[in-house]
Protein backbone atom coordinates (compact mmCIF):
# COMPACT_ATOMS: atom_id res chain seq x y z
CA UNK A 1 14.10 -48.45 -32.19
CA UNK A 2 14.35 -46.22 -34.82
CA UNK A 3 17.99 -44.89 -34.12
CA UNK A 4 19.55 -48.14 -34.05
CA UNK A 5 18.48 -48.69 -37.60
CA UNK A 6 19.25 -45.93 -38.58
CA UNK A 7 22.83 -46.21 -37.05
CA UNK A 8 23.40 -49.34 -38.53
CA UNK A 9 22.27 -48.43 -41.85
CA UNK A 10 24.95 -45.27 -41.26
CA UNK A 11 27.61 -47.63 -40.44
CA UNK A 12 26.98 -50.18 -43.98
CA UNK A 13 27.56 -46.51 -45.79
CA UNK A 14 23.68 -45.22 -46.02
CA UNK A 15 22.20 -48.71 -47.60
CA UNK A 16 19.18 -47.73 -49.86
CA UNK A 17 16.00 -50.19 -50.81
CA UNK A 18 18.18 -51.87 -53.72
CA UNK A 19 20.60 -52.76 -51.50
CA UNK A 20 18.28 -54.51 -48.77
CA UNK A 21 17.09 -56.68 -51.80
CA UNK A 22 20.49 -58.34 -52.16
CA UNK A 23 20.92 -58.24 -48.02
CA UNK A 24 17.97 -60.94 -46.92
CA UNK A 25 19.76 -61.17 -43.62
CA UNK A 26 19.68 -57.31 -43.36
CA UNK A 27 16.40 -57.05 -44.50
CA UNK A 28 14.78 -59.29 -42.27
CA UNK A 29 16.43 -57.77 -38.85
CA UNK A 30 15.06 -54.25 -40.08
CA UNK A 31 11.90 -56.35 -40.30
CA UNK A 32 12.05 -57.26 -37.04
CA UNK A 33 13.13 -54.36 -35.37
CA UNK A 34 10.66 -52.30 -37.24
CA UNK A 35 7.67 -54.75 -35.29
CA UNK A 36 9.31 -54.22 -32.21
CA UNK A 37 8.95 -50.52 -32.33
CA UNK A 38 5.39 -50.57 -33.33
CA UNK A 39 5.05 -53.20 -30.05
CA UNK A 40 6.78 -50.37 -27.53
CA UNK A 41 4.50 -47.49 -28.67
CA UNK A 42 1.59 -49.17 -27.61
CA UNK A 43 3.70 -49.68 -24.06
CA UNK A 44 3.57 -46.66 -21.29
CA UNK A 45 7.81 -45.63 -20.94
CA UNK A 46 7.38 -46.76 -16.83
CA UNK A 47 11.00 -45.30 -16.33
CA UNK A 48 10.32 -41.84 -17.90
CA UNK A 49 7.02 -41.39 -15.71
CA UNK A 50 9.01 -42.16 -12.68
CA UNK A 51 11.58 -39.85 -12.90
CA UNK A 52 9.33 -36.95 -14.18
CA UNK A 53 7.29 -37.46 -11.36
CA UNK A 54 9.94 -37.69 -8.84
CA UNK A 55 11.14 -33.91 -10.43
CA UNK A 56 8.07 -32.58 -10.25
CA UNK A 57 7.77 -33.75 -6.35
CA UNK A 58 10.95 -32.20 -5.94
CA UNK A 59 10.74 -29.19 -6.84
CA UNK A 60 7.21 -28.69 -5.34
CA UNK A 61 9.24 -29.87 -2.14
CA UNK A 62 11.87 -27.19 -2.77
CA UNK A 63 9.07 -24.43 -3.21
CA UNK A 64 7.25 -24.88 -0.44
CA UNK A 65 10.53 -24.54 1.67
CA UNK A 66 12.15 -21.76 -0.04
CA UNK A 67 8.63 -19.68 0.13
CA UNK A 68 8.29 -20.63 4.11
CA UNK A 69 11.61 -19.58 4.99
CA UNK A 70 11.01 -15.98 3.40
CA UNK A 71 13.97 -16.40 0.97
CA UNK A 72 14.58 -13.84 -1.73
CA UNK A 73 12.60 -11.28 -0.07
CA UNK A 74 9.10 -13.45 -0.17
CA UNK A 75 6.95 -13.52 2.80
CA UNK A 76 3.86 -16.31 2.46
CA UNK A 77 1.44 -14.35 4.42
CA UNK A 78 2.37 -10.86 2.42
CA UNK A 79 1.68 -12.93 -0.58
CA UNK A 80 -1.76 -14.62 0.12
CA UNK A 81 -2.72 -10.65 1.17
CA UNK A 82 -1.39 -9.47 -2.30
CA UNK A 83 -3.62 -11.95 -4.34
CA UNK A 84 -6.47 -10.93 -2.13
CA UNK A 85 -5.82 -7.28 -2.77
CA UNK A 86 -5.33 -8.05 -6.54
CA UNK A 87 -9.18 -10.05 -6.44
CA UNK A 88 -10.71 -7.11 -4.76
CA UNK A 89 -9.92 -4.32 -7.14
CA UNK A 90 -6.18 -3.91 -5.97
CA UNK A 91 -6.30 -1.58 -2.82
CA UNK A 92 -4.88 -2.76 0.18
CA UNK A 93 -2.94 -2.20 3.56
CA UNK A 94 1.14 -2.49 3.57
CA UNK A 95 2.68 -2.43 7.25
CA UNK A 96 6.42 -1.12 7.38
CA UNK A 97 8.98 -1.95 10.06
CA UNK A 98 10.78 0.81 11.36
CA UNK A 99 14.01 -1.24 12.64
CA UNK A 100 14.38 -2.81 9.30
CA UNK A 101 12.70 -0.95 6.99
CA UNK A 102 10.69 -4.45 5.62
CA UNK A 103 7.43 -3.71 3.93
CA UNK A 104 4.86 -6.52 4.39
CA UNK A 105 1.37 -6.92 2.78
CA UNK A 106 -2.02 -6.69 4.93
CA UNK A 107 -5.71 -7.22 3.70
CA UNK A 108 -7.41 -5.79 0.50
CA UNK A 109 -9.98 -3.80 -0.21
CA UNK A 110 -12.39 -3.28 -2.46
CA UNK A 111 -11.30 0.60 -2.10
CA UNK A 112 -9.35 2.32 0.29
CA UNK A 113 -8.56 6.13 0.99
CA UNK A 114 -7.31 8.12 4.42
CA UNK A 115 -5.78 5.87 7.40
CA UNK A 116 -6.04 6.82 11.22
CA UNK A 117 -4.43 5.30 14.67
CA UNK A 118 -6.00 5.31 17.38
CA UNK A 119 -8.38 3.59 20.27
CA UNK A 120 -6.12 0.34 20.01
CA UNK A 121 -7.12 -0.13 16.16
CA UNK A 122 -5.81 1.33 12.86
CA UNK A 123 -8.87 3.28 11.05
CA UNK A 124 -9.40 2.61 7.15
CA UNK A 125 -11.77 4.40 4.95
CA UNK A 126 -12.93 2.99 1.71
CA UNK A 127 -16.01 1.68 -0.34
CA UNK A 128 -17.49 -1.60 -0.57
CA UNK A 129 -18.38 -3.40 -3.98
CA UNK A 130 -22.11 -1.41 -4.05
CA UNK A 131 -19.94 2.09 -3.48
CA UNK A 132 -21.12 2.70 -0.25
CA UNK A 133 -18.85 4.46 1.98
CA UNK A 134 -17.40 2.16 4.70
CA UNK A 135 -15.41 2.20 7.62
CA UNK A 136 -12.99 -0.64 8.61
CA UNK A 137 -11.01 -1.38 12.28
CA UNK A 138 -7.88 -3.56 11.55
CA UNK A 139 -6.14 -4.95 14.57
CA UNK A 140 -2.63 -3.49 14.20
CA UNK A 141 -1.24 -6.29 15.92
CA UNK A 142 -2.68 -9.20 13.28
CA UNK A 143 -3.52 -7.15 10.30
CA UNK A 144 -6.98 -8.88 10.60
CA UNK A 145 -10.31 -6.64 10.17
CA UNK A 146 -12.27 -6.42 13.21
CA UNK A 147 -15.43 -4.57 12.34
CA UNK A 148 -17.04 -2.83 9.76
CA UNK A 149 -19.00 0.13 10.04
CA UNK A 150 -21.05 1.17 7.06
CA UNK A 151 -22.21 5.11 6.67
CA UNK A 152 -25.05 6.56 4.83
CA UNK A 153 -23.99 7.81 2.04
CA UNK A 154 -22.02 6.92 -1.25
CA UNK A 155 -18.57 6.53 -1.98
CA UNK A 156 -17.00 10.20 -1.58
CA UNK A 157 -13.33 10.62 -1.61
CA UNK A 158 -12.40 13.24 0.59
CA UNK A 159 -8.80 14.08 1.02
CA UNK A 160 -7.68 13.35 4.41
CA UNK A 161 -11.41 11.82 5.46
CA UNK A 162 -10.40 10.10 9.10
CA UNK A 163 -9.23 10.95 12.80
CA UNK A 164 -8.84 9.63 16.03
CA UNK A 165 -9.49 11.78 19.57
CA UNK A 166 -12.27 12.85 21.99
CA UNK A 167 -12.84 9.34 22.46
CA UNK A 168 -13.78 8.37 19.08
CA UNK A 169 -12.95 8.21 15.30
CA UNK A 170 -14.67 10.68 12.90
CA UNK A 171 -14.81 10.23 8.98
CA UNK A 172 -15.52 13.00 6.69
CA UNK A 173 -17.80 12.12 3.60
CA UNK A 174 -18.68 14.85 1.47
CA UNK A 175 -19.70 17.90 3.47
CA UNK A 176 -20.73 15.83 6.59
CA UNK A 177 -18.78 14.57 9.74
CA UNK A 178 -19.62 11.06 11.36
CA UNK A 179 -18.99 10.47 14.81
CA UNK A 180 -18.01 6.38 15.83
CA UNK A 181 -17.91 5.58 19.55
CA UNK A 182 -15.97 3.17 20.86
CA UNK A 183 -18.99 1.03 21.29
CA UNK A 184 -20.16 1.11 17.50
CA UNK A 185 -16.43 1.11 16.65
CA UNK A 186 -16.12 -2.33 18.67
CA UNK A 187 -18.96 -4.24 17.27
CA UNK A 188 -19.32 -2.62 13.66
CA UNK A 189 -22.52 -2.32 12.38
CA UNK A 190 -23.83 1.20 11.08
CA UNK A 191 -24.12 5.07 11.59
CA UNK A 192 -27.24 6.83 10.41
CA UNK A 193 -26.69 10.30 11.27
CA UNK A 194 -24.18 13.26 10.80
CA UNK A 195 -22.49 14.90 13.92
CA UNK A 196 -21.78 17.67 12.32
CA UNK A 197 -21.37 19.36 8.53
CA UNK A 198 -19.82 22.39 6.46
CA UNK A 199 -22.49 24.67 4.63
CA UNK A 200 -23.87 23.00 1.42
CA UNK A 201 -21.77 22.85 -1.85
CA UNK A 202 -18.57 22.73 0.81
CA UNK A 203 -16.22 19.69 0.91
CA UNK A 204 -14.13 18.53 3.77
CA UNK A 205 -10.75 18.47 3.06
CA UNK A 206 -9.17 17.31 6.17
CA UNK A 207 -10.57 16.63 9.83
CA UNK A 208 -8.35 17.02 13.21
CA UNK A 209 -9.09 16.82 17.05
CA UNK A 210 -7.43 19.11 19.30
CA UNK A 211 -8.40 21.34 22.43
CA UNK A 212 -11.67 19.59 22.66
CA UNK A 213 -12.93 20.15 19.37
CA UNK A 214 -13.27 18.75 16.24
CA UNK A 215 -11.68 20.85 13.08
CA UNK A 216 -12.69 20.37 9.70
CA UNK A 217 -11.36 22.14 6.85
CA UNK A 218 -13.85 23.10 3.92
CA UNK A 219 -11.50 23.26 0.29
CA UNK A 220 -14.06 25.44 -1.30
CA UNK A 221 -14.44 28.46 0.66
CA UNK A 222 -11.16 28.19 2.23
CA UNK A 223 -12.46 28.37 5.89
CA UNK A 224 -11.72 26.13 8.96
CA UNK A 225 -14.98 24.96 10.91
CA UNK A 226 -14.57 24.76 14.81
CA UNK A 227 -17.31 22.19 16.20
CA UNK A 228 -17.92 20.87 19.85
CA UNK A 229 -16.76 17.30 20.08
CA UNK A 230 -18.93 16.91 23.33
CA UNK A 231 -21.93 18.22 20.73
CA UNK A 232 -21.42 19.03 17.13
CA UNK A 233 -22.16 22.85 18.19
CA UNK A 234 -20.77 24.96 15.96
CA UNK A 235 -17.96 27.01 17.80
CA UNK A 236 -16.17 28.85 15.28
CA UNK A 237 -15.36 29.40 11.81
CA UNK A 238 -11.96 30.70 10.98
CA UNK A 239 -11.48 32.08 7.17
CA UNK A 240 -7.62 31.35 5.86
CA UNK A 241 -7.33 31.94 2.34
CA UNK A 242 -8.36 30.61 -1.03
CA UNK A 243 -8.14 27.50 -0.35
CA UNK A 244 -8.26 24.92 2.88
CA UNK A 245 -6.73 21.60 2.96
CA UNK A 246 -4.26 18.88 5.04
CA UNK A 247 -4.10 20.19 8.57
CA UNK A 248 -2.16 19.45 11.82
CA UNK A 249 -1.77 19.88 15.44
CA UNK A 250 1.10 21.20 16.79
CA UNK A 251 3.10 24.01 18.60
CA UNK A 252 -0.11 24.84 20.43
CA UNK A 253 -2.36 25.55 17.17
CA UNK A 254 -4.03 23.67 14.56
CA UNK A 255 -1.76 24.39 11.27
CA UNK A 256 -3.64 24.58 8.20
CA UNK A 257 -2.46 24.64 4.25
CA UNK A 258 -3.14 26.42 1.57
CA UNK A 259 -2.13 25.17 -1.80
CA UNK A 260 -3.17 28.11 -3.99
CA UNK A 261 -1.58 30.21 -1.61
CA UNK A 262 1.65 28.22 -0.87
CA UNK A 263 1.22 29.18 2.75
CA UNK A 264 0.58 27.52 5.78
CA UNK A 265 -1.61 29.18 8.62
CA UNK A 266 -1.41 28.51 12.23
CA UNK A 267 -5.00 29.01 14.18
CA UNK A 268 -4.71 29.91 17.60
CA UNK A 269 -7.38 27.61 19.80
CA UNK A 270 -7.43 30.28 22.32
CA UNK A 271 -8.88 33.22 20.25
CA UNK A 272 -10.32 31.21 17.21
CA UNK A 273 -8.05 33.04 14.68
CA UNK A 274 -5.17 32.86 12.36
CA UNK A 275 -2.03 34.14 14.23
CA UNK A 276 0.57 33.21 12.06
CA UNK A 277 1.19 32.30 8.32
CA UNK A 278 4.51 30.46 6.95
CA UNK A 279 5.37 30.43 2.99
CA UNK A 280 6.49 27.10 1.54
CA UNK A 281 8.22 27.19 -1.67
CA UNK A 282 5.94 24.89 -3.30
CA UNK A 283 2.35 23.58 -3.44
CA UNK A 284 1.48 23.38 0.20
CA UNK A 285 0.08 19.40 0.07
CA UNK A 286 0.23 17.33 3.49
CA UNK A 287 1.43 18.53 6.77
CA UNK A 288 3.31 17.26 9.88
CA UNK A 289 4.46 18.53 13.06
CA UNK A 290 7.53 17.81 15.11
CA UNK A 291 9.17 19.27 18.29
CA UNK A 292 11.56 21.23 15.84
CA UNK A 293 9.08 22.89 13.21
CA UNK A 294 6.82 22.01 10.75
CA UNK A 295 6.90 19.65 7.62
CA UNK A 296 5.00 20.06 4.28
CA UNK A 297 4.94 17.68 1.18
CA UNK A 298 5.28 19.30 -2.39
CA UNK A 299 3.38 16.93 -4.95
CA UNK A 300 4.62 19.02 -7.41
CA UNK A 301 8.14 19.69 -6.62
CA UNK A 302 8.78 16.33 -5.55
CA UNK A 303 10.16 17.45 -2.02
CA UNK A 304 9.33 18.08 1.49
CA UNK A 305 9.52 21.67 3.39
CA UNK A 306 11.12 21.74 6.88
CA UNK A 307 9.78 25.05 8.60
CA UNK A 308 11.70 25.95 11.88
CA UNK A 309 10.77 27.80 15.14
CA UNK A 310 8.75 31.26 14.20
CA UNK A 311 11.00 32.44 11.63
CA UNK A 312 13.28 30.12 10.69
CA UNK A 313 15.06 29.58 7.29
CA UNK A 314 13.08 26.92 4.96
CA UNK A 315 14.67 23.82 4.48
CA UNK A 316 13.83 21.79 1.37
CA UNK A 317 14.29 17.65 1.38
CA UNK A 318 14.00 15.64 -2.11
CA UNK A 319 11.95 12.70 -1.53
CA UNK A 320 10.47 10.89 -4.02
CA UNK A 321 7.62 11.39 -7.16
CA UNK A 322 4.75 12.98 -5.92
CA UNK A 323 4.76 13.07 -2.22
CA UNK A 324 1.28 12.89 -0.41
CA UNK A 325 0.39 11.67 3.04
CA UNK A 326 2.99 12.65 5.81
CA UNK A 327 2.86 11.56 9.54
CA UNK A 328 5.73 12.42 12.01
CA UNK A 329 6.77 9.95 14.90
CA UNK A 330 9.32 11.10 17.62
CA UNK A 331 12.68 12.42 15.76
CA UNK A 332 11.26 10.81 12.30
CA UNK A 333 9.09 11.57 9.18
CA UNK A 334 7.41 9.33 7.30
CA UNK A 335 6.51 11.24 3.75
CA UNK A 336 4.39 8.62 0.88
CA UNK A 337 5.26 9.13 -2.44
CA UNK A 338 2.22 8.20 -4.28
CA UNK A 339 3.58 8.10 -8.35
CA UNK A 340 7.08 6.47 -6.92
CA UNK A 341 5.13 3.74 -5.07
CA UNK A 342 7.73 4.29 -1.86
CA UNK A 343 7.36 5.92 1.45
CA UNK A 344 10.59 8.03 2.64
CA UNK A 345 11.81 7.78 6.07
CA UNK A 346 13.06 11.32 7.29
CA UNK A 347 15.76 11.44 10.16
CA UNK A 348 14.07 15.10 11.18
CA UNK A 349 17.28 16.42 13.12
CA UNK A 350 19.61 16.05 9.90
CA UNK A 351 16.82 16.93 7.38
CA UNK A 352 17.69 13.83 5.39
CA UNK A 353 16.48 10.62 3.41
CA UNK A 354 17.93 7.75 5.70
CA UNK A 355 15.48 4.85 4.20
CA UNK A 356 13.40 4.35 0.35
CA UNK A 357 10.72 1.73 0.87
CA UNK A 358 9.22 0.51 -2.10
CA UNK A 359 5.34 -0.35 -0.77
CA UNK A 360 3.36 -0.88 -3.76
CA UNK A 361 1.21 1.08 -6.84
CA UNK A 362 0.36 4.23 -5.81
CA UNK A 363 0.37 4.23 -1.82
CA UNK A 364 -1.55 7.60 -0.58
CA UNK A 365 -2.14 8.19 3.15
CA UNK A 366 0.28 6.75 6.23
CA UNK A 367 0.26 6.43 9.81
CA UNK A 368 2.71 5.56 12.64
CA UNK A 369 2.82 4.10 15.88
CA UNK A 370 5.65 2.85 18.34
CA UNK A 371 4.94 -0.54 16.47
CA UNK A 372 4.96 0.11 12.64
CA UNK A 373 4.22 2.19 10.29
CA UNK A 374 1.08 1.88 7.89
CA UNK A 375 0.27 3.07 4.45
CA UNK A 376 -2.79 2.67 2.15
CA UNK A 377 -1.88 0.89 -1.15
CA UNK A 378 -4.67 2.46 -4.32
CA UNK A 379 -3.25 -0.21 -6.42
CA UNK A 380 -1.54 -3.63 -5.77
CA UNK A 381 0.34 -3.90 -2.51
CA UNK A 382 4.02 -5.81 -2.60
CA UNK A 383 4.86 -8.77 -1.10
CA UNK A 384 7.68 -7.39 0.82
CA UNK A 385 10.62 -5.00 0.30
CA UNK A 386 13.95 -3.99 2.10
CA UNK A 387 15.16 -0.54 1.75
CA UNK A 388 18.27 -2.12 0.91
CA UNK A 389 17.61 -4.77 -1.00
CA UNK A 390 15.63 -5.80 -4.53
CA UNK A 391 12.39 -5.56 -4.92
CA UNK A 392 10.48 -8.82 -4.56
CA UNK A 393 9.85 -8.74 -8.88
CA UNK A 394 13.84 -8.49 -8.91
CA UNK A 395 14.52 -11.15 -6.28
CA UNK A 396 11.95 -13.42 -8.26
CA UNK A 397 14.46 -13.41 -11.55
CA UNK A 398 17.06 -14.65 -9.39
CA UNK A 399 14.89 -17.90 -8.71
CA UNK A 400 15.42 -20.91 -11.24
CA UNK A 401 12.64 -20.19 -14.18
CA UNK A 402 11.07 -23.62 -13.83
CA UNK A 403 10.62 -23.10 -10.28
CA UNK A 404 8.67 -19.93 -10.60
CA UNK A 405 6.39 -21.34 -12.96
CA UNK A 406 6.02 -24.25 -10.60
CA UNK A 407 5.06 -21.81 -8.14
CA UNK A 408 2.39 -20.36 -10.40
CA UNK A 409 4.84 -17.46 -11.11
CA UNK A 410 4.13 -15.86 -7.18
């Protein structure tokens, strides 16, 4: 009631208390108005409350509808995965759809490192809350964790520590290699005995399968060890250089990267010796093979080098910041850019990056099959991105501020 009284006083020319004494009628009206105002302050304002509740209900309904529709690049299932990943330390799995270059969040993990595809599952290595080394089996169709295999050692981060082939999953932990057979892979449980090991003091840098064998690099001694996949017997030791890091199978041999020497070496599986050496302009990191040649990442130079044929001229393809993981699938090469938080898609025949997909904070390893591309993210995964659109964070700014706050600032 106070605004009404003030209006009337203003209309009377700003009447003061001395004027009220000479105007008893006006003074009486003011007194009645004051008493009515005191009574009103003790009563709820039903009209205003009803309007506020209605607005909130409308906002909630609008929020739910927008999120469910996936508008502005948000994906409800991915949003839940992001929150789960954040609550468990920020690591997780991101799936990229090749047809649309959309990235969608998957399950979260306490720690995550390498990834491999095979035996109808995705295989991720990481650690539990107690820092024990763990192998996870993930259903690629649903993104759900189907089995967990505990390994008998504390968590050690080997650069490329998991591979599939020869009817099993192979995991490197420190200097040891563990075999997880199909039965254990389906049921989960624990593996208590190492299948093979490099000499004491060594560290496995990568493990691959080929020619009925399991191949492991020793990063500290610059050697590659060949173990029989059926028995674990050591069949050959091949000296590569000062260091021996990432490997790939291609062109009838095993290719090994030597980052100190800036080279990649081909090991003949028939003769168990190096029969070709190629020089790369940068630091040899991840390595992948296509029908046309080799692709080698250079984390120091933010690019990928393509080495065609036996003696063709090297081609440098700029990608993103600090490329690490790399995988080839048909005529496509996928490169993870750890510092840039992106995944680059390269058209192999044209040597050209045709898409760059944001995938989250510190992506590291990558696997690919005909159904999609999978990236392990050491930080918090994104909800959903497209190569041509804005990120989900930028998309959120297009929402009304009150709606973002109402939805919890997703």
